[in-house]
Protein backbone atom coordinates (compact mmCIF):
# COMPACT_ATOMS: atom_id res chain seq x y z
CA MET A 1 -66.50 -3.84 88.85
CA ALA A 2 -66.88 -6.64 86.36
CA ALA A 3 -69.88 -4.93 84.93
CA MET A 4 -67.77 -1.88 84.11
CA GLU A 5 -65.38 -3.93 82.02
CA THR A 6 -66.29 -4.11 78.37
CA GLU A 7 -64.68 -6.29 75.75
CA THR A 8 -62.94 -4.43 72.94
CA ALA A 9 -63.42 -6.01 69.52
CA PRO A 10 -60.09 -6.88 67.82
CA LEU A 11 -59.00 -4.44 65.10
CA THR A 12 -59.05 -6.12 61.70
CA LEU A 13 -58.49 -5.03 58.15
CA GLU A 14 -62.17 -5.49 57.50
CA SER A 15 -63.10 -3.10 60.27
CA LEU A 16 -60.91 -0.20 59.08
CA PRO A 17 -62.74 2.73 57.49
CA THR A 18 -62.65 3.03 53.72
CA ASP A 19 -60.62 6.23 53.41
CA PRO A 20 -57.54 5.01 55.37
CA LEU A 21 -57.59 1.77 53.41
CA LEU A 22 -57.71 3.61 50.08
CA LEU A 23 -54.81 5.78 51.21
CA ILE A 24 -52.77 2.67 52.02
CA LEU A 25 -53.66 1.07 48.69
CA SER A 26 -52.57 4.22 46.85
CA PHE A 27 -48.95 3.48 47.82
CA LEU A 28 -48.98 -0.03 46.35
CA ASP A 29 -47.53 -0.98 43.00
CA TYR A 30 -49.85 -2.49 40.41
CA ARG A 31 -48.69 -6.04 41.21
CA ASP A 32 -49.58 -5.68 44.89
CA LEU A 33 -52.84 -3.96 44.00
CA ILE A 34 -53.83 -6.95 41.87
CA ASN A 35 -52.84 -9.37 44.65
CA CYS A 36 -55.16 -7.51 47.01
CA CYS A 37 -58.06 -8.72 44.89
CA TYR A 38 -57.46 -12.25 46.20
CA VAL A 39 -57.25 -11.35 49.90
CA SER A 40 -60.87 -10.60 50.68
CA ARG A 41 -64.06 -9.41 49.09
CA ARG A 42 -63.72 -5.95 50.61
CA LEU A 43 -60.11 -5.49 49.48
CA SER A 44 -61.09 -6.74 46.04
CA GLN A 45 -63.71 -4.01 45.84
CA LEU A 46 -61.39 -1.30 47.17
CA SER A 47 -58.46 -2.27 44.93
CA SER A 48 -60.75 -1.78 41.95
CA HIS A 49 -61.37 1.84 42.99
CA ASP A 50 -60.70 3.55 39.66
CA PRO A 51 -58.63 6.55 40.85
CA LEU A 52 -56.04 4.08 42.21
CA TRP A 53 -55.26 2.98 38.64
CA ARG A 54 -54.83 6.49 37.28
CA ARG A 55 -51.29 6.73 38.67
CA HIS A 56 -50.29 3.38 37.18
CA CYS A 57 -51.71 4.25 33.76
CA LYS A 58 -49.70 7.46 33.72
CA LYS A 59 -46.54 5.95 35.19
CA TYR A 60 -46.26 2.84 33.03
CA TRP A 61 -48.23 3.63 29.87
CA LEU A 62 -48.14 7.46 29.73
CA ILE A 63 -51.90 7.54 29.18
CA SER A 64 -53.20 11.11 29.40
CA GLU A 65 -56.57 12.38 30.60
CA GLU A 66 -57.40 13.26 27.02
CA GLU A 67 -56.69 9.71 25.80
CA LYS A 68 -58.85 8.30 28.59
CA THR A 69 -61.72 10.55 27.54
CA GLN A 70 -61.33 9.57 23.88
CA LYS A 71 -61.35 5.84 24.68
CA ASN A 72 -64.24 6.24 27.13
CA GLN A 73 -62.81 3.64 29.52
CA CYS A 74 -62.09 3.60 33.22
CA TRP A 75 -58.45 3.73 34.40
CA LYS A 76 -58.34 0.11 35.52
CA SER A 77 -59.74 -1.09 32.21
CA LEU A 78 -57.17 1.01 30.32
CA PHE A 79 -54.36 -0.41 32.42
CA ILE A 80 -55.47 -4.01 31.86
CA ASP A 81 -56.03 -3.55 28.11
CA THR A 82 -52.64 -1.94 27.63
CA TYR A 83 -50.96 -4.59 29.77
CA SER A 84 -52.53 -7.35 27.69
CA ASP A 85 -50.95 -5.74 24.59
CA VAL A 86 -47.48 -4.63 25.73
CA GLY A 87 -47.25 -5.90 29.31
CA ARG A 88 -43.99 -7.74 28.71
CA TYR A 89 -42.34 -4.34 28.15
CA ILE A 90 -43.64 -2.67 31.30
CA ASP A 91 -40.09 -2.02 32.58
CA HIS A 92 -39.14 -0.23 29.33
CA TYR A 93 -42.31 1.15 27.81
CA ALA A 94 -42.52 4.53 29.57
CA ALA A 95 -38.91 5.51 28.77
CA ILE A 96 -39.13 4.37 25.14
CA LYS A 97 -42.59 5.85 24.53
CA LYS A 98 -41.59 9.19 26.05
CA ALA A 99 -38.50 9.32 23.84
CA TRP A 100 -40.58 8.64 20.72
CA ASP A 101 -43.23 11.20 21.71
CA ASP A 102 -40.63 13.87 22.49
CA LEU A 103 -38.74 13.20 19.25
CA LYS A 104 -41.82 13.41 17.02
CA LYS A 105 -43.12 16.52 18.76
CA TYR A 106 -39.76 18.24 18.24
CA LEU A 107 -39.29 17.14 14.63
CA GLU A 108 -42.81 17.68 13.27
CA PRO A 109 -42.42 21.47 12.73
CA ARG A 110 -38.73 21.18 11.80
CA CYS A 111 -38.34 17.97 9.79
CA PRO A 112 -41.87 16.91 8.78
CA ARG A 113 -40.68 14.55 6.02
CA MET A 114 -38.61 12.64 8.54
CA VAL A 115 -41.62 12.09 10.80
CA LEU A 116 -43.71 10.98 7.81
CA SER A 117 -41.06 8.35 6.99
CA LEU A 118 -41.71 6.49 10.27
CA LYS A 119 -43.49 3.16 9.94
CA GLU A 120 -46.34 1.88 12.07
CA GLY A 121 -45.40 -0.37 14.97
CA ALA A 122 -44.61 -4.03 14.38
CA ARG A 123 -46.87 -6.76 15.74
CA GLU A 124 -45.78 -9.26 18.38
CA GLU A 125 -45.98 -12.06 15.84
CA ASP A 126 -43.68 -10.11 13.48
CA LEU A 127 -41.03 -9.82 16.18
CA ASP A 128 -41.47 -13.47 17.16
CA ALA A 129 -40.93 -14.43 13.52
CA VAL A 130 -37.69 -12.45 13.38
CA GLU A 131 -36.44 -14.21 16.52
CA ALA A 132 -37.21 -17.55 14.89
CA GLN A 133 -35.43 -16.44 11.71
CA ILE A 134 -32.19 -15.35 13.41
CA GLY A 135 -32.27 -17.97 16.16
CA CYS A 136 -31.77 -15.38 18.93
CA LYS A 137 -33.97 -13.48 21.35
CA LEU A 138 -34.28 -9.75 20.71
CA PRO A 139 -33.71 -7.41 23.67
CA ASP A 140 -37.04 -6.46 25.26
CA ASP A 141 -36.35 -2.72 25.02
CA TYR A 142 -35.55 -3.15 21.30
CA ARG A 143 -38.82 -5.02 20.79
CA CYS A 144 -40.68 -2.37 22.78
CA SER A 145 -39.44 0.42 20.51
CA TYR A 146 -40.38 -1.52 17.39
CA ARG A 147 -43.90 -2.07 18.72
CA ILE A 148 -44.21 1.74 18.68
CA HIS A 149 -42.46 2.40 15.36
CA ASN A 150 -41.04 -0.28 13.10
CA GLY A 151 -38.13 1.85 11.92
CA GLN A 152 -38.47 4.14 8.93
CA LYS A 153 -38.55 3.99 5.17
CA LEU A 154 -35.12 4.08 3.55
CA VAL A 155 -35.08 7.79 2.78
CA VAL A 156 -32.80 10.76 3.10
CA PRO A 157 -32.48 12.36 5.56
CA GLY A 158 -32.29 9.56 8.10
CA LEU A 159 -33.74 9.74 11.59
CA LEU A 160 -30.42 8.87 13.27
CA GLY A 161 -28.56 11.91 12.00
CA SER A 162 -26.51 13.23 9.11
CA MET A 163 -23.01 14.52 8.55
CA ALA A 164 -21.70 16.48 5.56
CA LEU A 165 -18.07 17.36 5.06
CA SER A 166 -16.49 18.30 1.73
CA ASN A 167 -17.28 15.31 -0.52
CA HIS A 168 -18.25 13.03 2.37
CA TYR A 169 -21.92 12.60 3.29
CA ARG A 170 -23.61 10.29 5.78
CA SER A 171 -27.26 9.98 6.79
CA GLU A 172 -28.42 7.03 8.90
CA ASP A 173 -31.89 5.51 8.67
CA LEU A 174 -33.44 3.49 11.49
CA LEU A 175 -33.99 0.06 9.96
CA ASP A 176 -37.29 -1.79 10.19
CA VAL A 177 -37.04 -5.16 11.91
CA ASP A 178 -37.28 -7.27 8.72
CA THR A 179 -34.49 -5.35 7.00
CA ALA A 180 -32.41 -5.56 10.17
CA ALA A 181 -32.96 -9.32 10.33
CA GLY A 182 -31.70 -9.59 6.75
CA GLY A 183 -28.43 -8.03 7.92
CA PHE A 184 -28.05 -10.25 11.00
CA GLN A 185 -24.44 -11.38 11.25
CA GLN A 186 -23.19 -14.91 11.80
CA ARG A 187 -19.69 -14.36 10.46
CA GLN A 188 -16.69 -14.10 12.73
CA GLY A 189 -15.99 -10.61 13.97
CA LEU A 190 -19.67 -9.58 14.10
CA LYS A 191 -21.29 -12.80 15.29
CA TYR A 192 -24.80 -12.38 16.75
CA CYS A 193 -24.95 -8.69 15.81
CA LEU A 194 -28.01 -7.01 14.33
CA PRO A 195 -27.82 -3.71 12.39
CA LEU A 196 -29.89 -0.89 13.85
CA THR A 197 -29.14 1.79 11.28
CA PHE A 198 -27.94 2.01 7.70
CA CYS A 199 -26.50 4.75 5.51
CA ILE A 200 -27.18 4.20 1.81
CA HIS A 201 -24.22 6.45 0.89
CA THR A 202 -21.46 4.84 2.97
CA GLY A 203 -22.87 1.44 3.94
CA LEU A 204 -22.28 2.41 7.56
CA SER A 205 -24.36 0.74 10.28
CA GLN A 206 -24.67 0.84 14.02
CA TYR A 207 -25.06 -2.67 15.47
CA ILE A 208 -26.58 -4.16 18.60
CA ALA A 209 -25.12 -7.35 20.08
CA VAL A 210 -28.09 -9.63 20.76
CA GLU A 211 -25.80 -12.18 22.41
CA ALA A 212 -22.50 -11.86 24.30
CA ALA A 213 -19.79 -13.03 21.89
CA GLU A 214 -16.28 -12.17 20.68
CA GLY A 215 -15.63 -9.82 23.60
CA ARG A 216 -18.91 -7.91 23.25
CA ASN A 217 -21.42 -7.47 26.04
CA LYS A 218 -25.00 -8.46 25.34
CA ASN A 219 -27.18 -5.51 24.22
CA GLU A 220 -24.21 -3.18 23.50
CA VAL A 221 -24.62 -0.78 20.58
CA PHE A 222 -21.51 0.02 18.54
CA TYR A 223 -19.92 1.05 15.26
CA GLN A 224 -17.71 -1.61 13.72
CA CYS A 225 -14.10 -0.63 13.01
CA PRO A 226 -12.11 -3.15 10.92
CA ASP A 227 -8.49 -3.51 12.03
CA GLN A 228 -6.60 -2.29 8.97
CA MET A 229 -3.31 -3.76 10.18
CA ALA A 230 -4.56 -7.31 10.72
CA ARG A 231 -4.70 -9.97 8.04
CA ASN A 232 -7.53 -11.68 9.86
CA PRO A 233 -10.90 -10.33 8.56
CA ALA A 234 -12.48 -11.22 11.91
CA ALA A 235 -10.34 -8.58 13.63
CA ILE A 236 -13.03 -5.93 14.09
CA ASP A 237 -12.66 -3.29 16.79
CA MET A 238 -15.69 -1.44 18.15
CA PHE A 239 -16.57 2.14 19.05
CA ILE A 240 -19.15 1.70 21.83
CA ILE A 241 -22.17 4.01 21.48
CA GLY A 242 -24.54 2.64 24.14
CA ALA A 243 -24.73 -0.04 26.84
CA THR A 244 -28.30 -0.95 25.86
CA PHE A 245 -30.85 -0.03 23.22
CA THR A 246 -32.62 2.23 25.74
CA ASP A 247 -29.37 3.99 26.63
CA TRP A 248 -28.51 4.46 22.96
CA PHE A 249 -31.94 5.66 21.81
CA THR A 250 -32.88 7.92 24.74
CA SER A 251 -29.48 9.64 24.84
CA TYR A 252 -29.74 10.38 21.11
CA VAL A 253 -33.28 11.74 21.50
CA ASN A 254 -32.22 13.90 24.45
CA ASN A 255 -29.46 15.45 22.34
CA VAL A 256 -31.92 16.20 19.55
CA VAL A 257 -34.82 17.64 21.57
CA SER A 258 -32.54 19.71 23.83
CA GLY A 259 -31.15 21.46 20.75
CA GLY A 260 -27.77 19.84 21.29
CA PHE A 261 -27.78 18.58 17.70
CA PRO A 262 -28.53 21.37 15.21
CA ILE A 263 -31.24 21.05 12.56
CA ILE A 264 -29.81 22.21 9.25
CA ARG A 265 -31.86 22.05 6.05
CA ASP A 266 -34.36 19.56 7.53
CA GLN A 267 -31.61 17.26 8.76
CA ILE A 268 -30.25 16.39 12.20
CA PHE A 269 -26.51 16.99 12.35
CA ARG A 270 -24.72 15.18 15.14
CA TYR A 271 -22.45 18.00 16.25
CA VAL A 272 -22.01 18.32 20.01
CA HIS A 273 -21.70 21.83 21.41
CA ASP A 274 -20.05 22.57 24.74
CA PRO A 275 -21.79 25.68 26.18
CA GLU A 276 -18.46 26.82 27.61
CA CYS A 277 -16.79 26.64 24.22
CA VAL A 278 -17.53 30.25 23.32
CA ALA A 279 -15.20 33.25 23.05
CA THR A 280 -16.14 36.89 22.51
CA THR A 281 -13.72 39.49 21.22
CA GLY A 282 -15.28 42.92 21.05
CA ASP A 283 -18.48 42.56 19.04
CA ILE A 284 -17.61 39.16 17.56
CA THR A 285 -18.47 35.82 19.18
CA VAL A 286 -16.99 32.51 18.08
CA SER A 287 -18.52 29.19 19.17
CA VAL A 288 -17.56 25.64 18.23
CA SER A 289 -19.28 22.24 18.08
CA THR A 290 -17.57 18.96 17.22
CA SER A 291 -18.30 15.44 16.01
CA PHE A 292 -16.40 12.16 15.78
CA LEU A 293 -16.64 10.27 12.48
CA PRO A 294 -16.24 6.52 13.09
CA GLU A 295 -16.47 5.63 9.40
CA LEU A 296 -13.26 7.59 8.70
CA SER A 297 -11.42 6.46 11.83
CA SER A 298 -9.50 3.39 12.90
CA VAL A 299 -7.97 2.01 16.08
CA HIS A 300 -5.19 0.16 14.24
CA PRO A 301 -3.49 2.15 12.90
CA PRO A 302 -4.45 4.90 15.37
CA HIS A 303 -6.30 7.45 13.25
CA TYR A 304 -9.17 9.38 14.84
CA PHE A 305 -11.16 11.66 12.56
CA PHE A 306 -13.09 14.66 13.87
CA THR A 307 -15.09 17.39 12.23
CA TYR A 308 -15.90 20.75 13.79
CA ARG A 309 -18.46 23.42 13.01
CA ILE A 310 -17.60 27.05 13.75
CA ARG A 311 -20.08 29.87 14.12
CA ILE A 312 -18.83 33.47 13.84
CA GLU A 313 -21.37 36.11 14.76
CA MET A 314 -21.29 39.89 15.14
CA SER A 315 -23.60 41.47 17.70
CA LYS A 316 -26.66 43.14 16.17
CA ASP A 317 -25.94 46.11 18.44
CA ALA A 318 -22.50 46.73 16.90
CA LEU A 319 -21.93 49.97 15.01
CA PRO A 320 -22.08 49.73 11.18
CA GLU A 321 -18.43 50.82 10.93
CA LYS A 322 -17.45 47.63 12.80
CA ALA A 323 -18.14 45.57 9.65
CA CYS A 324 -15.03 43.55 8.84
CA GLN A 325 -13.58 40.79 6.70
CA LEU A 326 -11.67 37.68 7.74
CA ASP A 327 -8.14 37.55 6.31
CA SER A 328 -6.43 34.54 7.89
CA ARG A 329 -6.54 31.88 10.57
CA TYR A 330 -4.05 30.52 13.09
CA TRP A 331 -4.43 27.12 14.80
CA ARG A 332 -2.55 25.52 17.65
CA ILE A 333 -3.37 21.80 17.67
CA THR A 334 -2.36 19.62 20.62
CA ASN A 335 -2.80 15.86 20.88
CA ALA A 336 -3.11 13.73 24.04
CA LYS A 337 0.68 13.26 24.19
CA GLY A 338 1.22 17.02 24.28
CA ASP A 339 2.62 17.18 20.74
CA VAL A 340 1.82 20.58 19.19
CA GLU A 341 1.24 21.49 15.56
CA GLU A 342 0.76 25.08 14.39
CA VAL A 343 -1.15 25.91 11.23
CA GLN A 344 -1.58 29.32 9.62
CA GLY A 345 -3.20 30.20 6.33
CA PRO A 346 -5.42 32.60 4.39
CA GLY A 347 -9.19 32.64 4.92
CA VAL A 348 -11.26 29.67 6.04
CA VAL A 349 -12.23 26.77 3.72
CA GLY A 350 -11.19 28.93 0.78
CA GLU A 351 -13.42 31.85 1.74
CA PHE A 352 -12.90 35.35 3.18
CA PRO A 353 -16.25 36.03 4.84
CA ILE A 354 -17.52 39.51 5.63
CA ILE A 355 -19.10 39.97 9.05
CA SER A 356 -21.44 42.88 9.79
CA PRO A 357 -23.82 43.70 12.69
CA GLY A 358 -26.29 40.85 13.26
CA ARG A 359 -24.74 38.63 10.60
CA VAL A 360 -23.59 35.03 11.14
CA TYR A 361 -21.06 32.99 9.21
CA GLU A 362 -20.72 29.22 9.75
CA TYR A 363 -18.39 26.68 8.24
CA THR A 364 -17.19 23.12 8.84
CA SER A 365 -13.72 21.66 8.70
CA CYS A 366 -11.90 18.63 10.05
CA THR A 367 -8.79 17.34 11.75
CA THR A 368 -7.26 14.00 12.69
CA PHE A 369 -5.32 12.79 15.69
CA SER A 370 -3.06 9.79 16.20
CA THR A 371 -4.23 9.84 19.82
CA THR A 372 -7.78 9.23 21.06
CA SER A 373 -8.21 12.87 22.04
CA GLY A 374 -6.81 16.33 21.52
CA TYR A 375 -7.76 19.98 21.40
CA MET A 376 -7.50 23.02 19.16
CA GLU A 377 -7.43 26.77 19.78
CA GLY A 378 -6.32 29.83 17.86
CA TYR A 379 -7.49 33.10 16.36
CA TYR A 380 -8.75 34.76 13.20
CA THR A 381 -7.27 37.96 11.80
CA PHE A 382 -9.77 40.52 10.47
CA HIS A 383 -9.57 43.96 8.92
CA PHE A 384 -12.24 46.65 9.11
CA LEU A 385 -14.01 47.41 5.83
CA TYR A 386 -14.00 51.15 6.51
CA PHE A 387 -10.44 51.21 7.86
CA LYS A 388 -8.67 48.60 5.75
CA ASP A 389 -5.27 49.22 7.28
CA LYS A 390 -6.60 48.44 10.76
CA ILE A 391 -6.43 44.73 11.63
CA PHE A 392 -7.29 42.81 14.79
CA ASN A 393 -7.42 39.24 16.09
CA VAL A 394 -10.52 37.35 17.23
CA ALA A 395 -10.01 34.47 19.66
CA ILE A 396 -11.16 30.94 18.85
CA PRO A 397 -11.99 29.14 22.12
CA ARG A 398 -10.16 25.95 23.01
CA PHE A 399 -12.29 22.96 22.07
CA HIS A 400 -11.63 19.34 22.95
CA MET A 401 -12.29 16.25 20.87
CA ALA A 402 -12.35 12.65 22.14
CA CYS A 403 -13.36 9.44 20.42
CA PRO A 404 -15.96 7.17 22.07
CA THR A 405 -14.89 4.27 24.24
CA PHE A 406 -13.58 1.49 22.05
CA ARG A 407 -12.78 -2.19 22.50
CA VAL A 408 -10.16 -3.98 20.48
CA SER A 409 -10.99 -7.22 18.72
CA ILE A 410 -10.23 -10.44 20.58
CA ALA A 411 -9.36 -11.92 17.18
CA ARG A 412 -6.34 -9.62 17.08
CA LEU A 413 -5.45 -10.19 20.74
CA PHE A 414 -5.22 -13.96 20.29
CA TRP A 415 -4.16 -14.16 16.67
């Protein structure tokens, strides 16, 4: 009986077959994979299995098969080399790099001059020097972006969008880190704030708060809004644009590459279009996109400035005799309190456009509200070119406008 009993060797990690072990290792993050190198000789060999590092190279550094072939390196070597260069940004790099890649790919055939204006990435020592100069640490995601592209040359049009309305024009450049450091604020009202963008026409900038101060959260991106009713120059309200640099930059890029912001004459215009904001009357379709202008707005006194862009298009399948001309417009404007204003007048922006099959007419105009939001709706009156005594109305869809979240200055609250 005793002779029939055989001792079973204990199951150990060392005794497991290679394939199951590699499968287990494939689920580990890069940190755990590196730690495996110190467990045993066998695990050290298996954790260096090159296909295991392919996933991490793609996930964290967005390295493609083509790049690997060009560099003639194994996946693990690529991971380590990239980590030694930008490893401190591993939690941000993929999101920021993807945004930059998507933006350049989209803009190259549409706005080539804008892409050519981008500067090469900054070096770590350049960013360290800026931190020493301003006496504050830069957000890691901000630094990560500037390692990829150190802003752009001060040119028009700017990478961060344009806006043209009557005699008002704005185009924002993404500042390089040295220029941004030169605009670092220590004065009350904007203490510890660094400009991200700059418009050479208006002087407008978007800022990032590199420290929490004066009621701002660290890393918030905002437009400054001086309180026009306060005698204290430190009373600066804020229109909040992003919670972090990553939030601000990636949301802007998503709007651009999705076609949400139109490209007009090689410039990005920051009009937001609601897909539901379209109305069709017969053969004519009217669609509307809107934009908030912080540089022309204020919280105190309450004055919120919006511009809207209207597209009027006649179907290409319409009969030639449907050609018509716009005679007048009617608007019903309602603010957040429910107050209604009605406006009626000839033409649009001083013009009486003719619409024919397949033709498009676009124009921009503006409105202001004393409340943070409101909406407009109405109709155009047209007459047929071939039957001038026959008129008809074309509906303008209701479109809403709302200013960004804002925060009032603590200087005014406690003054």
